[in-house]
Amino acid sequence: MLQGNAPVHRTRNMPRRADEVLAGGSLYWIIQGQVRVRQRIVALDPGVDGEGTRFCLIRLDPTLVDTIALPHRPMQGWRYLTAEDAPADRDPGLRDDTDIMPASMVSALRSLGLL
């Protein structure tokens, strides 16, 4: 969802660890079973809709940051990734063999510890 020029994601609850999220946190997007991209969280705006239901708008930096593909099951709701569990950003200047391999092959090789 876009609000003005800034993308937002609506969730039911305000994050319990809001201060940590705002101090450099990102929303990681899982695409076809892998974390592939992230967006930096720039603001958290709580609200109440017309029916009295609380929600939180997560305001995102519009810049998408490619990450090194990391297998992950689909999930709903908030999950906090520690720095050790979060995938590293992908260097846009480097091109390696994973750029030409099918995603399923890259995933299989990573799960075997070969990449």
N, C-alpha and C. Protein backbone atom coordinates (compact mmCIF):
# COMPACT_ATOMS: atom_id res chain seq x y z
N MET A 1 0.85 -1.16 0.00
CA MET A 1 0.00 0.00 0.00
C MET A 1 0.90 1.23 0.00
N LEU A 2 0.52 2.21 -0.77
CA LEU A 2 1.26 3.48 -0.79
C LEU A 2 0.43 4.54 -0.09
N GLN A 3 1.09 5.34 0.69
CA GLN A 3 0.43 6.49 1.31
C GLN A 3 1.29 7.70 0.96
N GLY A 4 0.75 8.56 0.09
CA GLY A 4 1.58 9.60 -0.49
C GLY A 4 2.59 8.92 -1.39
N ASN A 5 3.87 9.21 -1.21
CA ASN A 5 4.93 8.53 -1.97
C ASN A 5 5.59 7.42 -1.17
N ALA A 6 5.23 7.29 0.11
CA ALA A 6 5.90 6.32 0.97
C ALA A 6 5.10 5.02 1.04
N PRO A 7 5.76 3.88 0.83
CA PRO A 7 5.06 2.60 0.99
C PRO A 7 4.81 2.33 2.47
N VAL A 8 3.66 1.74 2.76
CA VAL A 8 3.33 1.37 4.13
C VAL A 8 2.81 -0.06 4.13
N HIS A 9 2.98 -0.71 5.26
CA HIS A 9 2.43 -2.04 5.48
C HIS A 9 1.57 -1.95 6.73
N ARG A 10 0.35 -2.43 6.65
CA ARG A 10 -0.57 -2.35 7.79
C ARG A 10 -0.55 -3.68 8.54
N THR A 11 -0.44 -3.58 9.85
CA THR A 11 -0.47 -4.76 10.70
C THR A 11 -1.42 -4.48 11.87
N ARG A 12 -1.88 -5.53 12.53
CA ARG A 12 -2.86 -5.35 13.60
C ARG A 12 -2.27 -4.74 14.86
N ASN A 13 -1.05 -5.06 15.18
CA ASN A 13 -0.49 -4.65 16.47
C ASN A 13 0.77 -3.81 16.31
N MET A 14 0.94 -2.92 17.26
CA MET A 14 2.18 -2.15 17.35
C MET A 14 3.28 -3.11 17.81
N PRO A 15 4.45 -3.09 17.19
CA PRO A 15 5.54 -3.97 17.63
C PRO A 15 5.88 -3.70 19.10
N ARG A 16 6.08 -4.77 19.86
CA ARG A 16 6.45 -4.63 21.27
C ARG A 16 7.84 -4.03 21.43
N ARG A 17 8.69 -4.27 20.46
CA ARG A 17 10.07 -3.78 20.52
C ARG A 17 10.25 -2.62 19.52
N ALA A 18 9.33 -1.67 19.58
CA ALA A 18 9.30 -0.58 18.60
C ALA A 18 10.60 0.21 18.57
N ASP A 19 11.19 0.47 19.73
CA ASP A 19 12.44 1.25 19.75
C ASP A 19 13.53 0.55 18.97
N GLU A 20 13.64 -0.78 19.11
CA GLU A 20 14.65 -1.55 18.37
C GLU A 20 14.37 -1.52 16.87
N VAL A 21 13.09 -1.65 16.52
CA VAL A 21 12.70 -1.66 15.11
C VAL A 21 13.07 -0.33 14.45
N LEU A 22 12.83 0.76 15.16
CA LEU A 22 13.09 2.09 14.60
C LEU A 22 14.58 2.44 14.59
N ALA A 23 15.38 1.69 15.31
CA ALA A 23 16.82 1.96 15.37
C ALA A 23 17.56 1.13 14.33
N GLY A 24 17.04 1.12 13.11
CA GLY A 24 17.74 0.43 12.02
C GLY A 24 17.10 -0.87 11.58
N GLY A 25 15.87 -1.15 12.01
CA GLY A 25 15.20 -2.39 11.63
C GLY A 25 14.69 -2.35 10.20
N SER A 26 14.48 -3.54 9.65
CA SER A 26 13.97 -3.68 8.29
C SER A 26 12.85 -4.70 8.26
N LEU A 27 12.00 -4.57 7.26
CA LEU A 27 10.99 -5.57 6.98
C LEU A 27 11.57 -6.43 5.86
N TYR A 28 11.67 -7.73 6.11
CA TYR A 28 12.24 -8.66 5.13
C TYR A 28 11.11 -9.34 4.37
N TRP A 29 11.23 -9.39 3.06
CA TRP A 29 10.21 -9.97 2.21
C TRP A 29 10.62 -11.38 1.79
N ILE A 30 9.73 -12.34 2.03
CA ILE A 30 9.95 -13.73 1.64
C ILE A 30 9.25 -13.95 0.31
N ILE A 31 10.03 -14.35 -0.69
CA ILE A 31 9.52 -14.55 -2.04
C ILE A 31 9.91 -15.96 -2.47
N GLN A 32 8.91 -16.77 -2.80
CA GLN A 32 9.12 -18.16 -3.22
C GLN A 32 10.00 -18.91 -2.22
N GLY A 33 9.67 -18.78 -0.93
CA GLY A 33 10.35 -19.56 0.10
C GLY A 33 11.73 -19.06 0.50
N GLN A 34 12.09 -17.86 0.08
CA GLN A 34 13.41 -17.32 0.43
C GLN A 34 13.30 -15.84 0.77
N VAL A 35 14.05 -15.42 1.78
CA VAL A 35 14.19 -13.99 2.04
C VAL A 35 15.02 -13.45 0.88
N ARG A 36 14.47 -12.49 0.16
CA ARG A 36 15.17 -12.00 -1.03
C ARG A 36 15.47 -10.49 -0.99
N VAL A 37 14.69 -9.75 -0.22
CA VAL A 37 14.82 -8.29 -0.24
C VAL A 37 14.35 -7.73 1.10
N ARG A 38 14.83 -6.56 1.43
CA ARG A 38 14.39 -5.90 2.65
C ARG A 38 14.11 -4.43 2.38
N GLN A 39 13.31 -3.84 3.27
CA GLN A 39 13.07 -2.40 3.25
C GLN A 39 13.25 -1.89 4.66
N ARG A 40 13.96 -0.79 4.80
CA ARG A 40 14.19 -0.19 6.11
C ARG A 40 12.89 0.39 6.64
N ILE A 41 12.61 0.18 7.92
CA ILE A 41 11.43 0.73 8.57
C ILE A 41 11.79 2.14 9.05
N VAL A 42 11.00 3.12 8.63
CA VAL A 42 11.32 4.50 8.98
C VAL A 42 10.37 5.08 10.03
N ALA A 43 9.18 4.50 10.19
CA ALA A 43 8.24 5.01 11.20
C ALA A 43 7.18 3.96 11.50
N LEU A 44 6.62 4.05 12.69
CA LEU A 44 5.51 3.20 13.11
C LEU A 44 4.39 4.13 13.57
N ASP A 45 3.25 4.06 12.89
CA ASP A 45 2.14 4.96 13.20
C ASP A 45 0.93 4.16 13.67
N PRO A 46 0.62 4.20 14.98
CA PRO A 46 -0.57 3.49 15.46
C PRO A 46 -1.83 4.24 15.05
N GLY A 47 -2.92 3.51 14.92
CA GLY A 47 -4.19 4.14 14.57
C GLY A 47 -5.36 3.27 14.99
N VAL A 48 -6.55 3.80 14.78
CA VAL A 48 -7.79 3.09 15.05
C VAL A 48 -8.71 3.33 13.86
N ASP A 49 -9.27 2.25 13.28
CA ASP A 49 -10.14 2.43 12.12
C ASP A 49 -11.55 2.83 12.56
N GLY A 50 -12.45 3.01 11.62
CA GLY A 50 -13.81 3.45 11.89
C GLY A 50 -14.62 2.50 12.75
N GLU A 51 -14.21 1.25 12.83
CA GLU A 51 -14.91 0.26 13.64
C GLU A 51 -14.28 0.09 15.02
N GLY A 52 -13.29 0.90 15.33
CA GLY A 52 -12.65 0.83 16.65
C GLY A 52 -11.54 -0.19 16.75
N THR A 53 -11.12 -0.76 15.62
CA THR A 53 -10.04 -1.76 15.62
C THR A 53 -8.69 -1.06 15.52
N ARG A 54 -7.81 -1.41 16.45
CA ARG A 54 -6.46 -0.81 16.44
C ARG A 54 -5.62 -1.43 15.34
N PHE A 55 -4.66 -0.65 14.83
CA PHE A 55 -3.72 -1.13 13.83
C PHE A 55 -2.44 -0.31 13.93
N CYS A 56 -1.44 -0.73 13.16
CA CYS A 56 -0.19 0.02 13.08
C CYS A 56 0.21 0.08 11.61
N LEU A 57 0.54 1.28 11.14
CA LEU A 57 1.09 1.44 9.80
C LEU A 57 2.61 1.46 9.93
N ILE A 58 3.24 0.56 9.22
CA ILE A 58 4.69 0.50 9.19
C ILE A 58 5.13 1.27 7.95
N ARG A 59 5.77 2.39 8.15
CA ARG A 59 6.23 3.21 7.04
C ARG A 59 7.62 2.71 6.62
N LEU A 60 7.77 2.49 5.32
CA LEU A 60 8.97 1.88 4.78
C LEU A 60 9.73 2.83 3.87
N ASP A 61 11.04 2.70 3.88
CA ASP A 61 11.87 3.38 2.90
C ASP A 61 11.53 2.76 1.55
N PRO A 62 11.30 3.55 0.51
CA PRO A 62 10.95 2.96 -0.79
C PRO A 62 12.07 2.17 -1.45
N THR A 63 13.30 2.32 -0.96
CA THR A 63 14.43 1.61 -1.56
C THR A 63 14.39 0.14 -1.17
N LEU A 64 14.41 -0.74 -2.17
CA LEU A 64 14.50 -2.18 -1.93
C LEU A 64 15.96 -2.58 -1.93
N VAL A 65 16.37 -3.31 -0.89
CA VAL A 65 17.75 -3.75 -0.76
C VAL A 65 17.79 -5.26 -0.97
N ASP A 66 18.44 -5.71 -2.05
CA ASP A 66 18.58 -7.14 -2.30
C ASP A 66 19.40 -7.77 -1.20
N THR A 67 18.98 -8.96 -0.76
CA THR A 67 19.75 -9.70 0.23
C THR A 67 20.25 -10.99 -0.40
N ILE A 68 21.22 -11.58 0.23
CA ILE A 68 21.63 -12.92 -0.19
C ILE A 68 20.46 -13.84 0.13
N ALA A 69 20.04 -14.63 -0.84
CA ALA A 69 18.86 -15.48 -0.67
C ALA A 69 19.04 -16.41 0.53
N LEU A 70 18.02 -16.46 1.37
CA LEU A 70 18.05 -17.28 2.57
C LEU A 70 16.74 -18.04 2.65
N PRO A 71 16.78 -19.39 2.62
CA PRO A 71 15.54 -20.15 2.70
C PRO A 71 14.79 -19.82 4.00
N HIS A 72 13.47 -19.65 3.88
CA HIS A 72 12.65 -19.34 5.06
C HIS A 72 11.22 -19.73 4.76
N ARG A 73 10.57 -20.31 5.74
CA ARG A 73 9.16 -20.67 5.54
C ARG A 73 8.32 -19.40 5.57
N PRO A 74 7.16 -19.45 4.91
CA PRO A 74 6.27 -18.29 4.99
C PRO A 74 5.87 -18.04 6.44
N MET A 75 5.61 -16.78 6.77
CA MET A 75 5.21 -16.46 8.13
C MET A 75 4.24 -15.30 8.12
N GLN A 76 3.45 -15.24 9.18
CA GLN A 76 2.54 -14.11 9.38
C GLN A 76 2.94 -13.42 10.66
N GLY A 77 2.68 -12.16 10.72
CA GLY A 77 2.94 -11.45 11.95
C GLY A 77 4.40 -11.07 12.10
N TRP A 78 4.71 -10.55 13.26
CA TRP A 78 6.05 -10.05 13.53
C TRP A 78 6.98 -11.18 13.92
N ARG A 79 8.12 -11.17 13.33
CA ARG A 79 9.22 -12.05 13.74
C ARG A 79 10.44 -11.16 13.76
N TYR A 80 11.15 -11.20 14.84
CA TYR A 80 12.34 -10.37 14.95
C TYR A 80 13.56 -11.19 14.57
N LEU A 81 14.34 -10.70 13.65
CA LEU A 81 15.56 -11.37 13.25
C LEU A 81 16.73 -10.72 13.97
N THR A 82 17.54 -11.55 14.60
CA THR A 82 18.76 -11.02 15.19
C THR A 82 19.73 -10.74 14.06
N ALA A 83 20.75 -9.97 14.35
CA ALA A 83 21.75 -9.66 13.32
C ALA A 83 22.36 -10.95 12.75
N GLU A 84 22.52 -11.97 13.61
CA GLU A 84 23.11 -13.24 13.14
C GLU A 84 22.16 -14.00 12.21
N ASP A 85 20.84 -13.84 12.41
CA ASP A 85 19.86 -14.58 11.61
C ASP A 85 19.44 -13.86 10.34
N ALA A 86 19.65 -12.55 10.30
CA ALA A 86 19.23 -11.77 9.13
C ALA A 86 20.19 -12.01 7.98
N PRO A 87 19.67 -12.14 6.76
CA PRO A 87 20.57 -12.33 5.62
C PRO A 87 21.36 -11.06 5.33
N ALA A 88 22.55 -11.25 4.87
CA ALA A 88 23.41 -10.11 4.52
C ALA A 88 22.88 -9.44 3.25
N ASP A 89 23.16 -8.16 3.13
CA ASP A 89 22.83 -7.45 1.91
C ASP A 89 23.71 -7.98 0.78
N ARG A 90 23.15 -8.01 -0.38
CA ARG A 90 23.88 -8.48 -1.56
C ARG A 90 24.64 -7.31 -2.16
N ASP A 91 25.88 -7.49 -2.46
CA ASP A 91 26.70 -6.45 -3.07
C ASP A 91 26.23 -6.28 -4.52
N PRO A 92 25.67 -5.11 -4.86
CA PRO A 92 25.15 -4.94 -6.22
C PRO A 92 26.24 -4.94 -7.28
N GLY A 93 27.48 -4.70 -6.89
CA GLY A 93 28.57 -4.66 -7.86
C GLY A 93 29.14 -6.03 -8.20
N LEU A 94 28.85 -7.02 -7.38
CA LEU A 94 29.38 -8.36 -7.62
C LEU A 94 28.39 -9.20 -8.40
N ARG A 95 28.91 -9.94 -9.32
CA ARG A 95 28.08 -10.90 -10.06
C ARG A 95 28.78 -12.24 -9.91
N ASP A 96 28.05 -13.20 -9.36
CA ASP A 96 28.64 -14.52 -9.22
C ASP A 96 27.74 -15.54 -9.90
N ASP A 97 28.10 -16.80 -9.81
CA ASP A 97 27.35 -17.85 -10.50
C ASP A 97 25.90 -17.94 -10.05
N THR A 98 25.60 -17.48 -8.84
CA THR A 98 24.21 -17.59 -8.38
C THR A 98 23.29 -16.68 -9.19
N ASP A 99 23.85 -15.71 -9.91
CA ASP A 99 23.02 -14.85 -10.75
C ASP A 99 22.43 -15.62 -11.94
N ILE A 100 23.10 -16.65 -12.39
CA ILE A 100 22.62 -17.38 -13.56
C ILE A 100 22.02 -18.73 -13.21
N MET A 101 22.09 -19.13 -11.94
CA MET A 101 21.49 -20.39 -11.50
C MET A 101 20.02 -20.18 -11.18
N PRO A 102 19.20 -21.20 -11.41
CA PRO A 102 17.81 -21.11 -10.96
C PRO A 102 17.76 -20.99 -9.44
N ALA A 103 16.78 -20.27 -8.94
CA ALA A 103 16.66 -20.05 -7.49
C ALA A 103 16.58 -21.37 -6.73
N SER A 104 15.91 -22.37 -7.30
CA SER A 104 15.79 -23.67 -6.62
C SER A 104 17.15 -24.34 -6.45
N MET A 105 18.04 -24.17 -7.44
CA MET A 105 19.38 -24.75 -7.35
C MET A 105 20.21 -24.02 -6.29
N VAL A 106 20.12 -22.70 -6.29
CA VAL A 106 20.84 -21.92 -5.29
C VAL A 106 20.38 -22.34 -3.90
N SER A 107 19.07 -22.47 -3.72
CA SER A 107 18.51 -22.88 -2.43
C SER A 107 19.03 -24.25 -2.02
N ALA A 108 19.02 -25.21 -2.93
CA ALA A 108 19.49 -26.56 -2.63
C ALA A 108 20.97 -26.56 -2.25
N LEU A 109 21.80 -25.82 -2.98
CA LEU A 109 23.22 -25.77 -2.68
C LEU A 109 23.49 -25.09 -1.33
N ARG A 110 22.71 -24.04 -1.03
CA ARG A 110 22.87 -23.37 0.28
C ARG A 110 22.46 -24.30 1.41
N SER A 111 21.38 -25.05 1.23
CA SER A 111 20.93 -25.95 2.30
C SER A 111 21.95 -27.05 2.56
N LEU A 112 22.76 -27.37 1.56
CA LEU A 112 23.82 -28.37 1.74
C LEU A 112 25.13 -27.76 2.23
N GLY A 113 25.12 -26.45 2.40
CA GLY A 113 26.31 -25.76 2.87
C GLY A 113 27.37 -25.58 1.80
N LEU A 114 26.98 -25.67 0.53
CA LEU A 114 27.94 -25.56 -0.56
C LEU A 114 28.05 -24.14 -1.10
N LEU A 115 27.18 -23.27 -0.70
CA LEU A 115 27.26 -21.85 -1.10
C LEU A 115 27.24 -21.00 0.13
